[in-house]
């Protein structure tokens, strides 16, 4: 692929991969923490939103 050769020539491009992985990891950990700490009634109410009219 020619695209990879262009990315290899850009200085400091590797930091974008690290930053995107860190953002994903922080978001995943935040959502997991929210789900584990939230009340079961709140989760049940949220799960029923698509069914309510």
PDB file of N, CA and C in Angstrom:
ATOM      1  N   UNK A   1       0.843  -1.189   0.000  1.00  0.00           N
ATOM      2  CA  UNK A   1       0.000   0.000   0.000  1.00  0.00           C
ATOM      3  C   UNK A   1       0.881   1.242   0.000  1.00  0.00           C
ATOM      4  N   UNK A   2       0.576   2.158  -0.850  1.00  0.00           N
ATOM      5  CA  UNK A   2       1.344   3.404  -0.917  1.00  0.00           C
ATOM      6  C   UNK A   2       1.035   4.330   0.250  1.00  0.00           C
ATOM      7  N   UNK A   3      -0.147   4.197   0.818  1.00  0.00           N
ATOM      8  CA  UNK A   3      -0.560   5.073   1.907  1.00  0.00           C
ATOM      9  C   UNK A   3       0.348   4.910   3.121  1.00  0.00           C
ATOM     10  N   UNK A   4       0.801   3.686   3.396  1.00  0.00           N
ATOM     11  CA  UNK A   4       1.664   3.433   4.549  1.00  0.00           C
ATOM     12  C   UNK A   4       2.999   4.153   4.390  1.00  0.00           C
ATOM     13  N   UNK A   5       3.509   4.227   3.186  1.00  0.00           N
ATOM     14  CA  UNK A   5       4.782   4.916   2.957  1.00  0.00           C
ATOM     15  C   UNK A   5       4.666   6.407   3.281  1.00  0.00           C
ATOM     16  N   UNK A   6       3.515   6.991   2.983  1.00  0.00           N
ATOM     17  CA  UNK A   6       3.321   8.407   3.325  1.00  0.00           C
ATOM     18  C   UNK A   6       3.273   8.606   4.836  1.00  0.00           C
ATOM     19  N   UNK A   7       2.622   7.686   5.542  1.00  0.00           N
ATOM     20  CA  UNK A   7       2.539   7.809   6.997  1.00  0.00           C
ATOM     21  C   UNK A   7       3.888   7.598   7.667  1.00  0.00           C
ATOM     22  N   UNK A   8       4.725   6.766   7.093  1.00  0.00           N
ATOM     23  CA  UNK A   8       6.049   6.544   7.678  1.00  0.00           C
ATOM     24  C   UNK A   8       6.928   7.783   7.592  1.00  0.00           C
ATOM     25  N   UNK A   9       6.689   8.643   6.617  1.00  0.00           N
ATOM     26  CA  UNK A   9       7.517   9.827   6.424  1.00  0.00           C
ATOM     27  C   UNK A   9       7.087  11.013   7.293  1.00  0.00           C
ATOM     28  N   UNK A  10       5.895  10.949   7.888  1.00  0.00           N
ATOM     29  CA  UNK A  10       5.409  12.045   8.728  1.00  0.00           C
ATOM     30  C   UNK A  10       6.000  11.894  10.126  1.00  0.00           C
ATOM     31  N   UNK A  11       6.667  12.913  10.588  1.00  0.00           N
ATOM     32  CA  UNK A  11       7.288  12.872  11.912  1.00  0.00           C
ATOM     33  C   UNK A  11       6.219  13.015  12.995  1.00  0.00           C
ATOM     34  N   UNK A  12       6.277  12.162  13.981  1.00  0.00           N
ATOM     35  CA  UNK A  12       5.370  12.248  15.112  1.00  0.00           C
ATOM     36  C   UNK A  12       3.995  11.667  14.867  1.00  0.00           C
ATOM     37  N   UNK A  13       3.806  10.887  13.802  1.00  0.00           N
ATOM     38  CA  UNK A  13       2.482  10.340  13.500  1.00  0.00           C
ATOM     39  C   UNK A  13       2.096   9.234  14.479  1.00  0.00           C
ATOM     40  N   UNK A  14       3.073   8.604  15.116  1.00  0.00           N
ATOM     41  CA  UNK A  14       2.782   7.499  16.016  1.00  0.00           C
ATOM     42  C   UNK A  14       2.022   7.950  17.261  1.00  0.00           C
ATOM     43  N   UNK A  15       2.117   9.211  17.622  1.00  0.00           N
ATOM     44  CA  UNK A  15       1.424   9.699  18.818  1.00  0.00           C
ATOM     45  C   UNK A  15      -0.090   9.686  18.634  1.00  0.00           C
ATOM     46  N   UNK A  16      -0.566   9.813  17.401  1.00  0.00           N
ATOM     47  CA  UNK A  16      -2.005   9.799  17.155  1.00  0.00           C
ATOM     48  C   UNK A  16      -2.616   8.439  17.473  1.00  0.00           C
ATOM     49  N   UNK A  17      -1.893   7.379  17.193  1.00  0.00           N
ATOM     50  CA  UNK A  17      -2.368   6.043  17.549  1.00  0.00           C
ATOM     51  C   UNK A  17      -2.466   5.865  19.055  1.00  0.00           C
ATOM     52  N   UNK A  18      -1.474   6.357  19.752  1.00  0.00           N
ATOM     53  CA  UNK A  18      -1.466   6.255  21.211  1.00  0.00           C
ATOM     54  C   UNK A  18      -2.594   7.089  21.812  1.00  0.00           C
ATOM     55  N   UNK A  19      -2.791   8.294  21.298  1.00  0.00           N
ATOM     56  CA  UNK A  19      -3.847   9.171  21.813  1.00  0.00           C
ATOM     57  C   UNK A  19      -5.220   8.569  21.560  1.00  0.00           C
ATOM     58  N   UNK A  20      -5.447   8.041  20.363  1.00  0.00           N
ATOM     59  CA  UNK A  20      -6.763   7.461  20.065  1.00  0.00           C
ATOM     60  C   UNK A  20      -7.023   6.226  20.920  1.00  0.00           C
ATOM     61  N   UNK A  21      -5.997   5.425  21.146  1.00  0.00           N
ATOM     62  CA  UNK A  21      -6.164   4.258  22.007  1.00  0.00           C
ATOM     63  C   UNK A  21      -6.445   4.674  23.448  1.00  0.00           C
ATOM     64  N   UNK A  22      -5.795   5.725  23.927  1.00  0.00           N
ATOM     65  CA  UNK A  22      -6.027   6.210  25.290  1.00  0.00           C
ATOM     66  C   UNK A  22      -7.439   6.768  25.436  1.00  0.00           C
ATOM     67  N   UNK A  23      -7.921   7.496  24.439  1.00  0.00           N
ATOM     68  CA  UNK A  23      -9.289   8.033  24.495  1.00  0.00           C
ATOM     69  C   UNK A  23     -10.293   6.891  24.528  1.00  0.00           C
ATOM     70  N   UNK A  24     -10.096   5.874  23.673  1.00  0.00           N
ATOM     71  CA  UNK A  24     -10.990   4.724  23.670  1.00  0.00           C
ATOM     72  C   UNK A  24     -10.966   4.019  25.024  1.00  0.00           C
ATOM     73  N   UNK A  25      -9.770   3.815  25.569  1.00  0.00           N
ATOM     74  CA  UNK A  25      -9.657   3.130  26.852  1.00  0.00           C
ATOM     75  C   UNK A  25     -10.332   3.899  27.974  1.00  0.00           C
ATOM     76  N   UNK A  26     -10.132   5.211  28.022  1.00  0.00           N
ATOM     77  CA  UNK A  26     -10.774   6.023  29.058  1.00  0.00           C
ATOM     78  C   UNK A  26     -12.290   6.008  28.923  1.00  0.00           C
ATOM     79  N   UNK A  27     -12.787   6.087  27.685  1.00  0.00           N
ATOM     80  CA  UNK A  27     -14.226   6.039  27.465  1.00  0.00           C
ATOM     81  C   UNK A  27     -14.792   4.689  27.899  1.00  0.00           C
ATOM     82  N   UNK A  28     -14.118   3.587  27.544  1.00  0.00           N
ATOM     83  CA  UNK A  28     -14.575   2.258  27.913  1.00  0.00           C
ATOM     84  C   UNK A  28     -14.595   2.086  29.426  1.00  0.00           C
ATOM     85  N   UNK A  29     -13.544   2.522  30.104  1.00  0.00           N
ATOM     86  CA  UNK A  29     -13.475   2.401  31.558  1.00  0.00           C
ATOM     87  C   UNK A  29     -14.542   3.266  32.222  1.00  0.00           C
ATOM     88  N   UNK A  30     -14.777   4.474  31.688  1.00  0.00           N
ATOM     89  CA  UNK A  30     -15.812   5.349  32.253  1.00  0.00           C
ATOM     90  C   UNK A  30     -17.194   4.729  32.099  1.00  0.00           C
ATOM     91  N   UNK A  31     -17.489   4.169  30.928  1.00  0.00           N
ATOM     92  CA  UNK A  31     -18.794   3.554  30.718  1.00  0.00           C
ATOM     93  C   UNK A  31     -18.962   2.300  31.577  1.00  0.00           C
ATOM     94  N   UNK A  32     -17.912   1.514  31.707  1.00  0.00           N
ATOM     95  CA  UNK A  32     -17.975   0.318  32.544  1.00  0.00           C
ATOM     96  C   UNK A  32     -18.201   0.696  34.004  1.00  0.00           C
ATOM     97  N   UNK A  33     -17.516   1.732  34.473  1.00  0.00           N
ATOM     98  CA  UNK A  33     -17.707   2.205  35.842  1.00  0.00           C
ATOM     99  C   UNK A  33     -19.125   2.706  36.049  1.00  0.00           C
ATOM    100  N   UNK A  34     -19.663   3.454  35.077  1.00  0.00           N
ATOM    101  CA  UNK A  34     -21.017   3.976  35.190  1.00  0.00           C
ATOM    102  C   UNK A  34     -22.036   2.846  35.249  1.00  0.00           C
ATOM    103  N   UNK A  35     -21.861   1.831  34.423  1.00  0.00           N
ATOM    104  CA  UNK A  35     -22.801   0.712  34.410  1.00  0.00           C
ATOM    105  C   UNK A  35     -22.741  -0.070  35.715  1.00  0.00           C
ATOM    106  N   UNK A  36     -21.555  -0.294  36.229  1.00  0.00           N
ATOM    107  CA  UNK A  36     -21.438  -1.085  37.454  1.00  0.00           C
ATOM    108  C   UNK A  36     -21.929  -0.332  38.683  1.00  0.00           C
ATOM    109  N   UNK A  37     -21.815   0.999  38.686  1.00  0.00           N
ATOM    110  CA  UNK A  37     -22.223   1.777  39.855  1.00  0.00           C
ATOM    111  C   UNK A  37     -23.674   2.257  39.804  1.00  0.00           C
ATOM    112  N   UNK A  38     -24.284   2.225  38.635  1.00  0.00           N
ATOM    113  CA  UNK A  38     -25.636   2.761  38.532  1.00  0.00           C
ATOM    114  C   UNK A  38     -26.665   1.784  39.098  1.00  0.00           C
ATOM    115  N   UNK A  39     -27.785   2.349  39.456  1.00  0.00           N
ATOM    116  CA  UNK A  39     -28.876   1.578  40.024  1.00  0.00           C
ATOM    117  C   UNK A  39     -29.515   0.707  38.943  1.00  0.00           C
ATOM    118  N   UNK A  40     -29.965  -0.482  39.315  1.00  0.00           N
ATOM    119  CA  UNK A  40     -30.569  -1.391  38.347  1.00  0.00           C
ATOM    120  C   UNK A  40     -31.846  -0.799  37.752  1.00  0.00           C
ATOM    121  N   UNK A  41     -32.576  -0.003  38.522  1.00  0.00           N
ATOM    122  CA  UNK A  41     -33.800   0.622  38.011  1.00  0.00           C
ATOM    123  C   UNK A  41     -33.478   1.611  36.888  1.00  0.00           C
ATOM    124  N   UNK A  42     -32.383   2.343  37.028  1.00  0.00           N
ATOM    125  CA  UNK A  42     -31.981   3.294  35.991  1.00  0.00           C
ATOM    126  C   UNK A  42     -31.659   2.551  34.696  1.00  0.00           C
ATOM    127  N   UNK A  43     -30.917   1.455  34.801  1.00  0.00           N
ATOM    128  CA  UNK A  43     -30.581   0.666  33.616  1.00  0.00           C
ATOM    129  C   UNK A  43     -31.843   0.087  32.988  1.00  0.00           C
ATOM    130  N   UNK A  44     -32.765  -0.361  33.803  1.00  0.00           N
ATOM    131  CA  UNK A  44     -34.020  -0.913  33.289  1.00  0.00           C
ATOM    132  C   UNK A  44     -34.836   0.174  32.593  1.00  0.00           C
ATOM    133  N   UNK A  45     -34.894   1.373  33.157  1.00  0.00           N
ATOM    134  CA  UNK A  45     -35.619   2.476  32.514  1.00  0.00           C
ATOM    135  C   UNK A  45     -34.984   2.853  31.179  1.00  0.00           C
ATOM    136  N   UNK A  46     -33.661   2.890  31.123  1.00  0.00           N
ATOM    137  CA  UNK A  46     -32.968   3.230  29.885  1.00  0.00           C
ATOM    138  C   UNK A  46     -33.197   2.150  28.826  1.00  0.00           C
ATOM    139  N   UNK A  47     -33.221   0.905  29.237  1.00  0.00           N
ATOM    140  CA  UNK A  47     -33.405  -0.178  28.271  1.00  0.00           C
ATOM    141  C   UNK A  47     -34.819  -0.193  27.693  1.00  0.00           C
ATOM    142  N   UNK A  48     -35.773   0.420  28.376  1.00  0.00           N
ATOM    143  CA  UNK A  48     -37.147   0.420  27.894  1.00  0.00           C
ATOM    144  C   UNK A  48     -37.479   1.648  27.039  1.00  0.00           C
ATOM    145  N   UNK A  49     -36.542   2.571  26.865  1.00  0.00           N
ATOM    146  CA  UNK A  49     -36.792   3.790  26.070  1.00  0.00           C
ATOM    147  C   UNK A  49     -37.244   3.475  24.648  1.00  0.00           C
ATOM    148  N   UNK A  50     -36.619   2.547  23.932  1.00  0.00           N
ATOM    149  CA  UNK A  50     -37.077   2.284  22.553  1.00  0.00           C
ATOM    150  C   UNK A  50     -38.491   1.721  22.475  1.00  0.00           C
ATOM    151  N   UNK A  51     -38.963   1.125  23.560  1.00  0.00           N
ATOM    152  CA  UNK A  51     -40.278   0.495  23.549  1.00  0.00           C
ATOM    153  C   UNK A  51     -41.398   1.456  23.952  1.00  0.00           C
ATOM    154  N   UNK A  52     -41.043   2.563  24.603  1.00  0.00           N
ATOM    155  CA  UNK A  52     -42.044   3.546  25.026  1.00  0.00           C
ATOM    156  C   UNK A  52     -42.429   4.447  23.873  1.00  0.00           C
ATOM    157  N   UNK A  53     -43.689   4.708  23.761  1.00  0.00           N
ATOM    158  CA  UNK A  53     -44.190   5.648  22.726  1.00  0.00           C
ATOM    159  C   UNK A  53     -44.971   6.760  23.358  1.00  0.00           C
TER     160      UNK A  53
END
